[in-house]
């Protein structure tokens, strides 16, 4: 094979790879989705109501932090690590459930990222 032909084939493979990667990146949400999902920095406030409390406690965090971060700022907790993530208990060994704005999320406290203004209500199972 001619050296020039090998160089052209290699260049074509590189161009196809770059276009495929860029297209996949944009289909997955591009820079906006990546920034929303992982950026931490902006100050936010959320409200947490612990079991037995009648009022919410205001918690200041950074955007992108999780419900687990907010809860840990309000009450003492224990965590147990499982294959699906941490299970969260009160200091008295009662499992904690949580709702955000009145709805029960389908992800653990460590996965639910906060954007500010959420009302988090804790209950024991």
PDB file of N, CA and C in Angstrom:
ATOM      1  N   UNK A   1       0.834  -1.171   0.000  1.00  0.00           N
ATOM      2  CA  UNK A   1       0.000   0.000   0.000  1.00  0.00           C
ATOM      3  C   UNK A   1       0.882   1.239   0.000  1.00  0.00           C
ATOM      4  N   UNK A   2       0.425   2.252  -0.660  1.00  0.00           N
ATOM      5  CA  UNK A   2       1.149   3.500  -0.745  1.00  0.00           C
ATOM      6  C   UNK A   2       1.075   4.254   0.577  1.00  0.00           C
ATOM      7  N   UNK A   3       2.160   4.929   0.934  1.00  0.00           N
ATOM      8  CA  UNK A   3       2.220   5.678   2.205  1.00  0.00           C
ATOM      9  C   UNK A   3       1.141   6.765   2.249  1.00  0.00           C
ATOM     10  N   UNK A   4       0.889   7.428   1.155  1.00  0.00           N
ATOM     11  CA  UNK A   4      -0.118   8.477   1.092  1.00  0.00           C
ATOM     12  C   UNK A   4      -1.520   7.943   1.353  1.00  0.00           C
ATOM     13  N   UNK A   5      -1.806   6.740   0.854  1.00  0.00           N
ATOM     14  CA  UNK A   5      -3.115   6.118   1.061  1.00  0.00           C
ATOM     15  C   UNK A   5      -3.308   5.763   2.534  1.00  0.00           C
ATOM     16  N   UNK A   6      -2.264   5.274   3.183  1.00  0.00           N
ATOM     17  CA  UNK A   6      -2.338   4.930   4.600  1.00  0.00           C
ATOM     18  C   UNK A   6      -2.617   6.186   5.428  1.00  0.00           C
ATOM     19  N   UNK A   7      -1.964   7.282   5.094  1.00  0.00           N
ATOM     20  CA  UNK A   7      -2.176   8.548   5.809  1.00  0.00           C
ATOM     21  C   UNK A   7      -3.608   9.028   5.613  1.00  0.00           C
ATOM     22  N   UNK A   8      -4.152   8.920   4.416  1.00  0.00           N
ATOM     23  CA  UNK A   8      -5.531   9.338   4.155  1.00  0.00           C
ATOM     24  C   UNK A   8      -6.529   8.483   4.936  1.00  0.00           C
ATOM     25  N   UNK A   9      -6.300   7.180   5.003  1.00  0.00           N
ATOM     26  CA  UNK A   9      -7.188   6.293   5.744  1.00  0.00           C
ATOM     27  C   UNK A   9      -7.137   6.627   7.240  1.00  0.00           C
ATOM     28  N   UNK A  10      -5.939   6.863   7.765  1.00  0.00           N
ATOM     29  CA  UNK A  10      -5.795   7.221   9.179  1.00  0.00           C
ATOM     30  C   UNK A  10      -6.499   8.541   9.478  1.00  0.00           C
ATOM     31  N   UNK A  11      -6.363   9.517   8.586  1.00  0.00           N
ATOM     32  CA  UNK A  11      -7.023  10.809   8.775  1.00  0.00           C
ATOM     33  C   UNK A  11      -8.542  10.647   8.746  1.00  0.00           C
ATOM     34  N   UNK A  12      -9.043   9.800   7.846  1.00  0.00           N
ATOM     35  CA  UNK A  12     -10.479   9.552   7.751  1.00  0.00           C
ATOM     36  C   UNK A  12     -11.004   8.902   9.035  1.00  0.00           C
ATOM     37  N   UNK A  13     -10.266   7.961   9.580  1.00  0.00           N
ATOM     38  CA  UNK A  13     -10.660   7.307  10.831  1.00  0.00           C
ATOM     39  C   UNK A  13     -10.709   8.315  11.971  1.00  0.00           C
ATOM     40  N   UNK A  14      -9.738   9.197  12.047  1.00  0.00           N
ATOM     41  CA  UNK A  14      -9.707  10.226  13.096  1.00  0.00           C
ATOM     42  C   UNK A  14     -10.896  11.171  12.956  1.00  0.00           C
ATOM     43  N   UNK A  15     -11.190  11.610  11.758  1.00  0.00           N
ATOM     44  CA  UNK A  15     -12.320  12.527  11.523  1.00  0.00           C
ATOM     45  C   UNK A  15     -13.635  11.851  11.899  1.00  0.00           C
ATOM     46  N   UNK A  16     -13.815  10.598  11.520  1.00  0.00           N
ATOM     47  CA  UNK A  16     -15.049   9.871  11.856  1.00  0.00           C
ATOM     48  C   UNK A  16     -15.175   9.741  13.383  1.00  0.00           C
ATOM     49  N   UNK A  17     -14.076   9.448  14.069  1.00  0.00           N
ATOM     50  CA  UNK A  17     -14.099   9.344  15.530  1.00  0.00           C
ATOM     51  C   UNK A  17     -14.480  10.646  16.191  1.00  0.00           C
ATOM     52  N   UNK A  18     -13.902  11.756  15.737  1.00  0.00           N
ATOM     53  CA  UNK A  18     -14.202  13.066  16.319  1.00  0.00           C
ATOM     54  C   UNK A  18     -15.661  13.445  16.073  1.00  0.00           C
ATOM     55  N   UNK A  19     -16.151  13.231  14.871  1.00  0.00           N
ATOM     56  CA  UNK A  19     -17.542  13.557  14.553  1.00  0.00           C
ATOM     57  C   UNK A  19     -18.490  12.676  15.375  1.00  0.00           C
ATOM     58  N   UNK A  20     -18.184  11.395  15.516  1.00  0.00           N
ATOM     59  CA  UNK A  20     -19.032  10.493  16.298  1.00  0.00           C
ATOM     60  C   UNK A  20     -19.065  10.905  17.766  1.00  0.00           C
ATOM     61  N   UNK A  21     -17.909  11.220  18.331  1.00  0.00           N
ATOM     62  CA  UNK A  21     -17.843  11.640  19.731  1.00  0.00           C
ATOM     63  C   UNK A  21     -18.613  12.943  19.932  1.00  0.00           C
ATOM     64  N   UNK A  22     -18.404  13.917  19.052  1.00  0.00           N
ATOM     65  CA  UNK A  22     -19.091  15.208  19.168  1.00  0.00           C
ATOM     66  C   UNK A  22     -20.593  15.072  19.016  1.00  0.00           C
ATOM     67  N   UNK A  23     -21.020  14.237  18.066  1.00  0.00           N
ATOM     68  CA  UNK A  23     -22.454  14.021  17.876  1.00  0.00           C
ATOM     69  C   UNK A  23     -23.086  13.359  19.089  1.00  0.00           C
ATOM     70  N   UNK A  24     -22.422  12.365  19.647  1.00  0.00           N
ATOM     71  CA  UNK A  24     -22.926  11.704  20.852  1.00  0.00           C
ATOM     72  C   UNK A  24     -22.989  12.646  22.037  1.00  0.00           C
ATOM     73  N   UNK A  25     -21.980  13.486  22.175  1.00  0.00           N
ATOM     74  CA  UNK A  25     -21.939  14.466  23.255  1.00  0.00           C
ATOM     75  C   UNK A  25     -23.123  15.423  23.155  1.00  0.00           C
ATOM     76  N   UNK A  26     -23.410  15.906  21.965  1.00  0.00           N
ATOM     77  CA  UNK A  26     -24.523  16.837  21.783  1.00  0.00           C
ATOM     78  C   UNK A  26     -25.867  16.127  21.977  1.00  0.00           C
ATOM     79  N   UNK A  27     -25.994  14.895  21.532  1.00  0.00           N
ATOM     80  CA  UNK A  27     -27.234  14.155  21.737  1.00  0.00           C
ATOM     81  C   UNK A  27     -27.483  13.871  23.214  1.00  0.00           C
ATOM     82  N   UNK A  28     -26.428  13.726  23.985  1.00  0.00           N
ATOM     83  CA  UNK A  28     -26.552  13.457  25.417  1.00  0.00           C
ATOM     84  C   UNK A  28     -26.880  14.712  26.213  1.00  0.00           C
ATOM     85  N   UNK A  29     -26.936  15.854  25.581  1.00  0.00           N
ATOM     86  CA  UNK A  29     -27.298  17.076  26.287  1.00  0.00           C
ATOM     87  C   UNK A  29     -26.282  18.179  26.139  1.00  0.00           C
ATOM     88  N   UNK A  30     -25.121  17.861  25.625  1.00  0.00           N
ATOM     89  CA  UNK A  30     -24.086  18.860  25.380  1.00  0.00           C
ATOM     90  C   UNK A  30     -23.592  19.538  26.640  1.00  0.00           C
ATOM     91  N   UNK A  31     -23.012  20.710  26.493  1.00  0.00           N
ATOM     92  CA  UNK A  31     -22.400  21.390  27.631  1.00  0.00           C
ATOM     93  C   UNK A  31     -23.401  21.819  28.705  1.00  0.00           C
ATOM     94  N   UNK A  32     -24.634  22.120  28.334  1.00  0.00           N
ATOM     95  CA  UNK A  32     -25.621  22.548  29.325  1.00  0.00           C
ATOM     96  C   UNK A  32     -25.939  21.442  30.321  1.00  0.00           C
ATOM     97  N   UNK A  33     -26.204  20.238  29.827  1.00  0.00           N
ATOM     98  CA  UNK A  33     -26.521  19.135  30.723  1.00  0.00           C
ATOM     99  C   UNK A  33     -25.326  18.816  31.607  1.00  0.00           C
ATOM    100  N   UNK A  34     -24.141  18.813  31.038  1.00  0.00           N
ATOM    101  CA  UNK A  34     -22.937  18.517  31.806  1.00  0.00           C
ATOM    102  C   UNK A  34     -22.765  19.548  32.905  1.00  0.00           C
ATOM    103  N   UNK A  35     -22.962  20.810  32.601  1.00  0.00           N
ATOM    104  CA  UNK A  35     -22.793  21.874  33.592  1.00  0.00           C
ATOM    105  C   UNK A  35     -23.837  21.773  34.698  1.00  0.00           C
ATOM    106  N   UNK A  36     -25.090  21.523  34.343  1.00  0.00           N
ATOM    107  CA  UNK A  36     -26.142  21.419  35.352  1.00  0.00           C
ATOM    108  C   UNK A  36     -25.907  20.240  36.280  1.00  0.00           C
ATOM    109  N   UNK A  37     -25.407  19.156  35.735  1.00  0.00           N
ATOM    110  CA  UNK A  37     -25.287  17.945  36.513  1.00  0.00           C
ATOM    111  C   UNK A  37     -24.104  17.975  37.474  1.00  0.00           C
ATOM    112  N   UNK A  38     -23.041  18.661  37.134  1.00  0.00           N
ATOM    113  CA  UNK A  38     -21.831  18.563  37.935  1.00  0.00           C
ATOM    114  C   UNK A  38     -21.315  19.875  38.516  1.00  0.00           C
ATOM    115  N   UNK A  39     -21.851  21.000  38.116  1.00  0.00           N
ATOM    116  CA  UNK A  39     -21.336  22.266  38.603  1.00  0.00           C
ATOM    117  C   UNK A  39     -21.768  22.512  40.033  1.00  0.00           C
ATOM    118  N   UNK A  40     -20.814  22.844  40.869  1.00  0.00           N
ATOM    119  CA  UNK A  40     -21.096  23.200  42.254  1.00  0.00           C
ATOM    120  C   UNK A  40     -20.507  24.582  42.472  1.00  0.00           C
ATOM    121  N   UNK A  41     -21.242  25.450  43.131  1.00  0.00           N
ATOM    122  CA  UNK A  41     -20.665  26.761  43.373  1.00  0.00           C
ATOM    123  C   UNK A  41     -21.666  27.795  43.835  1.00  0.00           C
ATOM    124  N   UNK A  42     -22.765  27.962  43.132  1.00  0.00           N
ATOM    125  CA  UNK A  42     -23.745  28.989  43.470  1.00  0.00           C
ATOM    126  C   UNK A  42     -24.373  28.682  44.836  1.00  0.00           C
ATOM    127  N   UNK A  43     -24.516  29.697  45.669  1.00  0.00           N
ATOM    128  CA  UNK A  43     -25.138  29.510  46.984  1.00  0.00           C
ATOM    129  C   UNK A  43     -26.644  29.348  46.825  1.00  0.00           C
ATOM    130  N   UNK A  44     -27.194  28.365  47.520  1.00  0.00           N
ATOM    131  CA  UNK A  44     -28.631  28.102  47.488  1.00  0.00           C
ATOM    132  C   UNK A  44     -29.123  27.889  48.913  1.00  0.00           C
ATOM    133  N   UNK A  45     -30.428  27.965  49.093  1.00  0.00           N
ATOM    134  CA  UNK A  45     -31.053  27.697  50.383  1.00  0.00           C
ATOM    135  C   UNK A  45     -32.163  26.682  50.179  1.00  0.00           C
ATOM    136  N   UNK A  46     -32.199  25.686  51.054  1.00  0.00           N
ATOM    137  CA  UNK A  46     -33.278  24.700  51.057  1.00  0.00           C
ATOM    138  C   UNK A  46     -33.837  24.636  52.468  1.00  0.00           C
ATOM    139  N   UNK A  47     -34.999  24.045  52.606  1.00  0.00           N
ATOM    140  CA  UNK A  47     -35.649  23.916  53.910  1.00  0.00           C
ATOM    141  C   UNK A  47     -35.804  22.445  54.254  1.00  0.00           C
ATOM    142  N   UNK A  48     -35.453  22.088  55.495  1.00  0.00           N
ATOM    143  CA  UNK A  48     -35.515  20.701  55.940  1.00  0.00           C
ATOM    144  C   UNK A  48     -36.371  20.622  57.199  1.00  0.00           C
ATOM    145  N   UNK A  49     -37.342  19.691  57.178  1.00  0.00           N
ATOM    146  CA  UNK A  49     -38.150  19.425  58.361  1.00  0.00           C
ATOM    147  C   UNK A  49     -37.828  18.023  58.845  1.00  0.00           C
ATOM    148  N   UNK A  50     -37.226  17.925  60.015  1.00  0.00           N
ATOM    149  CA  UNK A  50     -36.841  16.641  60.597  1.00  0.00           C
ATOM    150  C   UNK A  50     -38.044  15.985  61.272  1.00  0.00           C
ATOM    151  N   UNK A  51     -37.994  14.678  61.485  1.00  0.00           N
ATOM    152  CA  UNK A  51     -39.103  14.006  62.175  1.00  0.00           C
ATOM    153  C   UNK A  51     -39.353  14.633  63.547  1.00  0.00           C
ATOM    154  N   UNK A  52     -40.615  14.872  63.848  1.00  0.00           N
ATOM    155  CA  UNK A  52     -40.982  15.461  65.130  1.00  0.00           C
ATOM    156  C   UNK A  52     -40.944  16.979  65.166  1.00  0.00           C
ATOM    157  N   UNK A  53     -40.417  17.623  64.126  1.00  0.00           N
ATOM    158  CA  UNK A  53     -40.391  19.086  64.082  1.00  0.00           C
ATOM    159  C   UNK A  53     -41.638  19.609  63.384  1.00  0.00           C
ATOM    160  N   UNK A  54     -42.090  20.771  63.817  1.00  0.00           N
ATOM    161  CA  UNK A  54     -43.250  21.387  63.164  1.00  0.00           C
ATOM    162  C   UNK A  54     -42.830  22.451  62.153  1.00  0.00           C
ATOM    163  N   UNK A  55     -41.617  22.942  62.284  1.00  0.00           N
ATOM    164  CA  UNK A  55     -41.122  23.998  61.397  1.00  0.00           C
ATOM    165  C   UNK A  55     -39.936  23.493  60.566  1.00  0.00           C
ATOM    166  N   UNK A  56     -39.745  24.109  59.413  1.00  0.00           N
ATOM    167  CA  UNK A  56     -38.589  23.816  58.578  1.00  0.00           C
ATOM    168  C   UNK A  56     -37.364  24.552  59.107  1.00  0.00           C
ATOM    169  N   UNK A  57     -36.209  23.956  58.928  1.00  0.00           N
ATOM    170  CA  UNK A  57     -34.926  24.589  59.222  1.00  0.00           C
ATOM    171  C   UNK A  57     -34.304  24.989  57.895  1.00  0.00           C
ATOM    172  N   UNK A  58     -33.899  26.240  57.761  1.00  0.00           N
ATOM    173  CA  UNK A  58     -33.288  26.737  56.541  1.00  0.00           C
ATOM    174  C   UNK A  58     -31.808  26.332  56.521  1.00  0.00           C
ATOM    175  N   UNK A  59     -31.361  25.793  55.384  1.00  0.00           N
ATOM    176  CA  UNK A  59     -29.982  25.322  55.240  1.00  0.00           C
ATOM    177  C   UNK A  59     -29.361  25.974  54.010  1.00  0.00           C
ATOM    178  N   UNK A  60     -28.194  26.567  54.185  1.00  0.00           N
ATOM    179  CA  UNK A  60     -27.453  27.163  53.074  1.00  0.00           C
ATOM    180  C   UNK A  60     -26.429  26.157  52.561  1.00  0.00           C
ATOM    181  N   UNK A  61     -26.462  25.927  51.248  1.00  0.00           N
ATOM    182  CA  UNK A  61     -25.573  24.972  50.592  1.00  0.00           C
ATOM    183  C   UNK A  61     -25.051  25.576  49.304  1.00  0.00           C
ATOM    184  N   UNK A  62     -24.305  24.789  48.561  1.00  0.00           N
ATOM    185  CA  UNK A  62     -23.898  25.156  47.210  1.00  0.00           C
ATOM    186  C   UNK A  62     -24.741  24.360  46.226  1.00  0.00           C
ATOM    187  N   UNK A  63     -25.049  24.947  45.085  1.00  0.00           N
ATOM    188  CA  UNK A  63     -25.834  24.230  44.081  1.00  0.00           C
ATOM    189  C   UNK A  63     -25.120  22.939  43.719  1.00  0.00           C
ATOM    190  N   UNK A  64     -25.904  21.911  43.450  1.00  0.00           N
ATOM    191  CA  UNK A  64     -25.334  20.615  43.109  1.00  0.00           C
ATOM    192  C   UNK A  64     -25.153  19.707  44.304  1.00  0.00           C
ATOM    193  N   UNK A  65     -25.247  20.268  45.513  1.00  0.00           N
ATOM    194  CA  UNK A  65     -25.156  19.416  46.692  1.00  0.00           C
ATOM    195  C   UNK A  65     -26.450  18.616  46.797  1.00  0.00           C
ATOM    196  N   UNK A  66     -26.464  17.617  47.657  1.00  0.00           N
ATOM    197  CA  UNK A  66     -27.557  16.659  47.677  1.00  0.00           C
ATOM    198  C   UNK A  66     -28.436  16.793  48.920  1.00  0.00           C
ATOM    199  N   UNK A  67     -29.545  16.057  48.898  1.00  0.00           N
ATOM    200  CA  UNK A  67     -30.431  15.997  50.057  1.00  0.00           C
ATOM    201  C   UNK A  67     -29.652  15.484  51.263  1.00  0.00           C
ATOM    202  N   UNK A  68     -28.768  14.516  51.053  1.00  0.00           N
ATOM    203  CA  UNK A  68     -27.966  13.985  52.152  1.00  0.00           C
ATOM    204  C   UNK A  68     -27.124  15.083  52.799  1.00  0.00           C
ATOM    205  N   UNK A  69     -26.562  15.970  52.000  1.00  0.00           N
ATOM    206  CA  UNK A  69     -25.794  17.101  52.535  1.00  0.00           C
ATOM    207  C   UNK A  69     -26.684  18.000  53.391  1.00  0.00           C
ATOM    208  N   UNK A  70     -27.885  18.278  52.914  1.00  0.00           N
ATOM    209  CA  UNK A  70     -28.804  19.145  53.654  1.00  0.00           C
ATOM    210  C   UNK A  70     -29.225  18.494  54.965  1.00  0.00           C
ATOM    211  N   UNK A  71     -29.573  17.207  54.909  1.00  0.00           N
ATOM    212  CA  UNK A  71     -30.024  16.490  56.105  1.00  0.00           C
ATOM    213  C   UNK A  71     -28.913  16.452  57.153  1.00  0.00           C
ATOM    214  N   UNK A  72     -27.693  16.201  56.717  1.00  0.00           N
ATOM    215  CA  UNK A  72     -26.557  16.129  57.643  1.00  0.00           C
ATOM    216  C   UNK A  72     -26.295  17.463  58.339  1.00  0.00           C
ATOM    217  N   UNK A  73     -26.785  18.560  57.771  1.00  0.00           N
ATOM    218  CA  UNK A  73     -26.647  19.882  58.397  1.00  0.00           C
ATOM    219  C   UNK A  73     -27.729  20.151  59.436  1.00  0.00           C
ATOM    220  N   UNK A  74     -28.756  19.297  59.494  1.00  0.00           N
ATOM    221  CA  UNK A  74     -29.887  19.552  60.378  1.00  0.00           C
ATOM    222  C   UNK A  74     -29.945  18.571  61.553  1.00  0.00           C
ATOM    223  N   UNK A  75     -29.719  17.285  61.275  1.00  0.00           N
ATOM    224  CA  UNK A  75     -29.793  16.281  62.339  1.00  0.00           C
ATOM    225  C   UNK A  75     -28.591  15.344  62.255  1.00  0.00           C
ATOM    226  N   UNK A  76     -28.316  14.673  63.361  1.00  0.00           N
ATOM    227  CA  UNK A  76     -27.274  13.658  63.356  1.00  0.00           C
ATOM    228  C   UNK A  76     -27.816  12.410  62.677  1.00  0.00           C
ATOM    229  N   UNK A  77     -27.025  11.851  61.780  1.00  0.00           N
ATOM    230  CA  UNK A  77     -27.450  10.660  61.041  1.00  0.00           C
ATOM    231  C   UNK A  77     -26.343   9.616  61.050  1.00  0.00           C
ATOM    232  N   UNK A  78     -26.748   8.397  60.727  1.00  0.00           N
ATOM    233  CA  UNK A  78     -25.809   7.303  60.484  1.00  0.00           C
ATOM    234  C   UNK A  78     -26.095   6.786  59.085  1.00  0.00           C
ATOM    235  N   UNK A  79     -25.066   6.346  58.406  1.00  0.00           N
ATOM    236  CA  UNK A  79     -25.269   5.753  57.087  1.00  0.00           C
ATOM    237  C   UNK A  79     -24.725   4.333  57.077  1.00  0.00           C
ATOM    238  N   UNK A  80     -25.390   3.487  56.298  1.00  0.00           N
ATOM    239  CA  UNK A  80     -24.924   2.131  56.060  1.00  0.00           C
ATOM    240  C   UNK A  80     -24.791   1.971  54.557  1.00  0.00           C
ATOM    241  N   UNK A  81     -23.638   1.535  54.123  1.00  0.00           N
ATOM    242  CA  UNK A  81     -23.377   1.431  52.692  1.00  0.00           C
ATOM    243  C   UNK A  81     -23.876   0.105  52.128  1.00  0.00           C
ATOM    244  N   UNK A  82     -24.671   0.204  51.070  1.00  0.00           N
ATOM    245  CA  UNK A  82     -25.203  -0.945  50.351  1.00  0.00           C
ATOM    246  C   UNK A  82     -24.788  -0.830  48.891  1.00  0.00           C
ATOM    247  N   UNK A  83     -25.042  -1.849  48.097  1.00  0.00           N
ATOM    248  CA  UNK A  83     -24.657  -1.829  46.687  1.00  0.00           C
ATOM    249  C   UNK A  83     -25.374  -0.706  45.920  1.00  0.00           C
ATOM    250  N   UNK A  84     -26.569  -0.323  46.341  1.00  0.00           N
ATOM    251  CA  UNK A  84     -27.334   0.727  45.668  1.00  0.00           C
ATOM    252  C   UNK A  84     -27.011   2.123  46.205  1.00  0.00           C
ATOM    253  N   UNK A  85     -26.216   2.210  47.264  1.00  0.00           N
ATOM    254  CA  UNK A  85     -25.857   3.493  47.860  1.00  0.00           C
ATOM    255  C   UNK A  85     -26.065   3.459  49.359  1.00  0.00           C
ATOM    256  N   UNK A  86     -25.907   4.601  50.004  1.00  0.00           N
ATOM    257  CA  UNK A  86     -26.035   4.613  51.462  1.00  0.00           C
ATOM    258  C   UNK A  86     -27.493   4.589  51.929  1.00  0.00           C
ATOM    259  N   UNK A  87     -27.754   3.793  52.962  1.00  0.00           N
ATOM    260  CA  UNK A  87     -29.018   3.847  53.669  1.00  0.00           C
ATOM    261  C   UNK A  87     -28.833   4.821  54.823  1.00  0.00           C
ATOM    262  N   UNK A  88     -29.818   5.652  55.091  1.00  0.00           N
ATOM    263  CA  UNK A  88     -29.681   6.706  56.089  1.00  0.00           C
ATOM    264  C   UNK A  88     -30.595   6.426  57.277  1.00  0.00           C
ATOM    265  N   UNK A  89     -30.014   6.487  58.461  1.00  0.00           N
ATOM    266  CA  UNK A  89     -30.753   6.245  59.696  1.00  0.00           C
ATOM    267  C   UNK A  89     -30.569   7.416  60.655  1.00  0.00           C
ATOM    268  N   UNK A  90     -31.524   7.521  61.575  1.00  0.00           N
ATOM    269  CA  UNK A  90     -31.361   8.485  62.663  1.00  0.00           C
ATOM    270  C   UNK A  90     -30.324   7.923  63.628  1.00  0.00           C
ATOM    271  N   UNK A  91     -29.905   8.725  64.556  1.00  0.00           N
ATOM    272  CA  UNK A  91     -28.940   8.282  65.554  1.00  0.00           C
ATOM    273  C   UNK A  91     -29.528   7.166  66.427  1.00  0.00           C
ATOM    274  N   UNK A  92     -30.885   7.061  66.444  1.00  0.00           N
ATOM    275  CA  UNK A  92     -31.579   6.010  67.198  1.00  0.00           C
ATOM    276  C   UNK A  92     -31.856   4.769  66.345  1.00  0.00           C
ATOM    277  N   UNK A  93     -31.193   4.653  65.208  1.00  0.00           N
ATOM    278  CA  UNK A  93     -31.315   3.500  64.293  1.00  0.00           C
ATOM    279  C   UNK A  93     -32.663   3.374  63.601  1.00  0.00           C
ATOM    280  N   UNK A  94     -33.377   4.462  63.360  1.00  0.00           N
ATOM    281  CA  UNK A  94     -34.623   4.427  62.589  1.00  0.00           C
ATOM    282  C   UNK A  94     -34.311   4.865  61.160  1.00  0.00           C
ATOM    283  N   UNK A  95     -34.813   4.096  60.189  1.00  0.00           N
ATOM    284  CA  UNK A  95     -34.589   4.443  58.784  1.00  0.00           C
ATOM    285  C   UNK A  95     -35.288   5.748  58.450  1.00  0.00           C
ATOM    286  N   UNK A  96     -34.627   6.572  57.669  1.00  0.00           N
ATOM    287  CA  UNK A  96     -35.205   7.848  57.250  1.00  0.00           C
ATOM    288  C   UNK A  96     -35.716   7.759  55.817  1.00  0.00           C
ATOM    289  N   UNK A  97     -36.907   8.264  55.603  1.00  0.00           N
ATOM    290  CA  UNK A  97     -37.478   8.463  54.271  1.00  0.00           C
ATOM    291  C   UNK A  97     -37.510   9.963  54.030  1.00  0.00           C
ATOM    292  N   UNK A  98     -37.555  10.362  52.764  1.00  0.00           N
ATOM    293  CA  UNK A  98     -37.621  11.795  52.497  1.00  0.00           C
ATOM    294  C   UNK A  98     -38.548  12.107  51.330  1.00  0.00           C
ATOM    295  N   UNK A  99     -39.106  13.310  51.397  1.00  0.00           N
ATOM    296  CA  UNK A  99     -39.926  13.837  50.308  1.00  0.00           C
ATOM    297  C   UNK A  99     -39.376  15.212  49.955  1.00  0.00           C
ATOM    298  N   UNK A 100     -39.403  15.537  48.676  1.00  0.00           N
ATOM    299  CA  UNK A 100     -38.977  16.860  48.211  1.00  0.00           C
ATOM    300  C   UNK A 100     -40.192  17.523  47.586  1.00  0.00           C
ATOM    301  N   UNK A 101     -40.575  18.644  48.159  1.00  0.00           N
ATOM    302  CA  UNK A 101     -41.761  19.377  47.697  1.00  0.00           C
ATOM    303  C   UNK A 101     -42.990  18.463  47.633  1.00  0.00           C
ATOM    304  N   UNK A 102     -43.114  17.586  48.637  1.00  0.00           N
ATOM    305  CA  UNK A 102     -44.284  16.717  48.754  1.00  0.00           C
ATOM    306  C   UNK A 102     -44.248  15.447  47.925  1.00  0.00           C
ATOM    307  N   UNK A 103     -43.175  15.206  47.176  1.00  0.00           N
ATOM    308  CA  UNK A 103     -43.077  14.007  46.340  1.00  0.00           C
ATOM    309  C   UNK A 103     -41.906  13.146  46.808  1.00  0.00           C
ATOM    310  N   UNK A 104     -42.089  11.831  46.734  1.00  0.00           N
ATOM    311  CA  UNK A 104     -41.051  10.887  47.144  1.00  0.00           C
ATOM    312  C   UNK A 104     -40.197  10.513  45.928  1.00  0.00           C
ATOM    313  N   UNK A 105     -38.955  10.985  45.868  1.00  0.00           N
ATOM    314  CA  UNK A 105     -38.083  10.676  44.724  1.00  0.00           C
ATOM    315  C   UNK A 105     -37.752   9.187  44.653  1.00  0.00           C
ATOM    316  N   UNK A 106     -37.348   8.754  43.478  1.00  0.00           N
ATOM    317  CA  UNK A 106     -36.991   7.354  43.258  1.00  0.00           C
ATOM    318  C   UNK A 106     -35.488   7.113  43.369  1.00  0.00           C
ATOM    319  N   UNK A 107     -34.753   8.113  43.853  1.00  0.00           N
ATOM    320  CA  UNK A 107     -33.308   7.975  44.052  1.00  0.00           C
ATOM    321  C   UNK A 107     -32.980   8.232  45.513  1.00  0.00           C
ATOM    322  N   UNK A 108     -31.828   7.758  45.934  1.00  0.00           N
ATOM    323  CA  UNK A 108     -31.387   7.957  47.304  1.00  0.00           C
ATOM    324  C   UNK A 108     -31.032   9.408  47.597  1.00  0.00           C
ATOM    325  N   UNK A 109     -30.937   9.714  48.895  1.00  0.00           N
ATOM    326  CA  UNK A 109     -30.599  11.074  49.323  1.00  0.00           C
ATOM    327  C   UNK A 109     -29.271  11.542  48.745  1.00  0.00           C
ATOM    328  N   UNK A 110     -28.346  10.619  48.524  1.00  0.00           N
ATOM    329  CA  UNK A 110     -27.030  10.977  48.015  1.00  0.00           C
ATOM    330  C   UNK A 110     -27.035  11.284  46.517  1.00  0.00           C
ATOM    331  N   UNK A 111     -28.117  10.981  45.828  1.00  0.00           N
ATOM    332  CA  UNK A 111     -28.195  11.189  44.379  1.00  0.00           C
ATOM    333  C   UNK A 111     -29.068  12.385  43.983  1.00  0.00           C
ATOM    334  N   UNK A 112     -29.932  12.839  44.863  1.00  0.00           N
ATOM    335  CA  UNK A 112     -30.868  13.913  44.526  1.00  0.00           C
ATOM    336  C   UNK A 112     -30.155  15.262  44.688  1.00  0.00           C
ATOM    337  N   UNK A 113     -29.786  15.871  43.560  1.00  0.00           N
ATOM    338  CA  UNK A 113     -29.089  17.152  43.595  1.00  0.00           C
ATOM    339  C   UNK A 113     -30.076  18.298  43.744  1.00  0.00           C
ATOM    340  N   UNK A 114     -29.706  19.249  44.574  1.00  0.00           N
ATOM    341  CA  UNK A 114     -30.571  20.386  44.889  1.00  0.00           C
ATOM    342  C   UNK A 114     -30.212  21.599  44.043  1.00  0.00           C
ATOM    343  N   UNK A 115     -31.239  22.380  43.699  1.00  0.00           N
ATOM    344  CA  UNK A 115     -31.007  23.601  42.928  1.00  0.00           C
ATOM    345  C   UNK A 115     -31.416  24.847  43.700  1.00  0.00           C
ATOM    346  N   UNK A 116     -32.049  24.677  44.856  1.00  0.00           N
ATOM    347  CA  UNK A 116     -32.443  25.807  45.690  1.00  0.00           C
ATOM    348  C   UNK A 116     -33.946  25.948  45.784  1.00  0.00           C
ATOM    349  N   UNK A 117     -34.418  26.278  46.980  1.00  0.00           N
ATOM    350  CA  UNK A 117     -35.837  26.502  47.200  1.00  0.00           C
ATOM    351  C   UNK A 117     -36.635  25.256  47.532  1.00  0.00           C
ATOM    352  N   UNK A 118     -36.008  24.082  47.553  1.00  0.00           N
ATOM    353  CA  UNK A 118     -36.742  22.857  47.829  1.00  0.00           C
ATOM    354  C   UNK A 118     -37.115  22.770  49.306  1.00  0.00           C
ATOM    355  N   UNK A 119     -38.257  22.119  49.564  1.00  0.00           N
ATOM    356  CA  UNK A 119     -38.682  21.786  50.921  1.00  0.00           C
ATOM    357  C   UNK A 119     -38.515  20.278  51.079  1.00  0.00           C
ATOM    358  N   UNK A 120     -37.643  19.887  51.987  1.00  0.00           N
ATOM    359  CA  UNK A 120     -37.342  18.480  52.231  1.00  0.00           C
ATOM    360  C   UNK A 120     -37.970  18.089  53.552  1.00  0.00           C
ATOM    361  N   UNK A 121     -38.811  17.064  53.515  1.00  0.00           N
ATOM    362  CA  UNK A 121     -39.477  16.596  54.730  1.00  0.00           C
ATOM    363  C   UNK A 121     -39.031  15.164  55.012  1.00  0.00           C
ATOM    364  N   UNK A 122     -38.517  14.954  56.218  1.00  0.00           N
ATOM    365  CA  UNK A 122     -38.033  13.641  56.633  1.00  0.00           C
ATOM    366  C   UNK A 122     -39.072  12.942  57.493  1.00  0.00           C
ATOM    367  N   UNK A 123     -39.141  11.630  57.348  1.00  0.00           N
ATOM    368  CA  UNK A 123     -39.999  10.807  58.208  1.00  0.00           C
ATOM    369  C   UNK A 123     -39.265   9.508  58.511  1.00  0.00           C
ATOM    370  N   UNK A 124     -39.679   8.836  59.566  1.00  0.00           N
ATOM    371  CA  UNK A 124     -39.050   7.566  59.929  1.00  0.00           C
ATOM    372  C   UNK A 124     -39.891   6.415  59.405  1.00  0.00           C
ATOM    373  N   UNK A 125     -39.210   5.368  59.004  1.00  0.00           N
ATOM    374  CA  UNK A 125     -39.908   4.204  58.450  1.00  0.00           C
ATOM    375  C   UNK A 125     -40.292   3.244  59.554  1.00  0.00           C
TER     376      UNK A 125
END
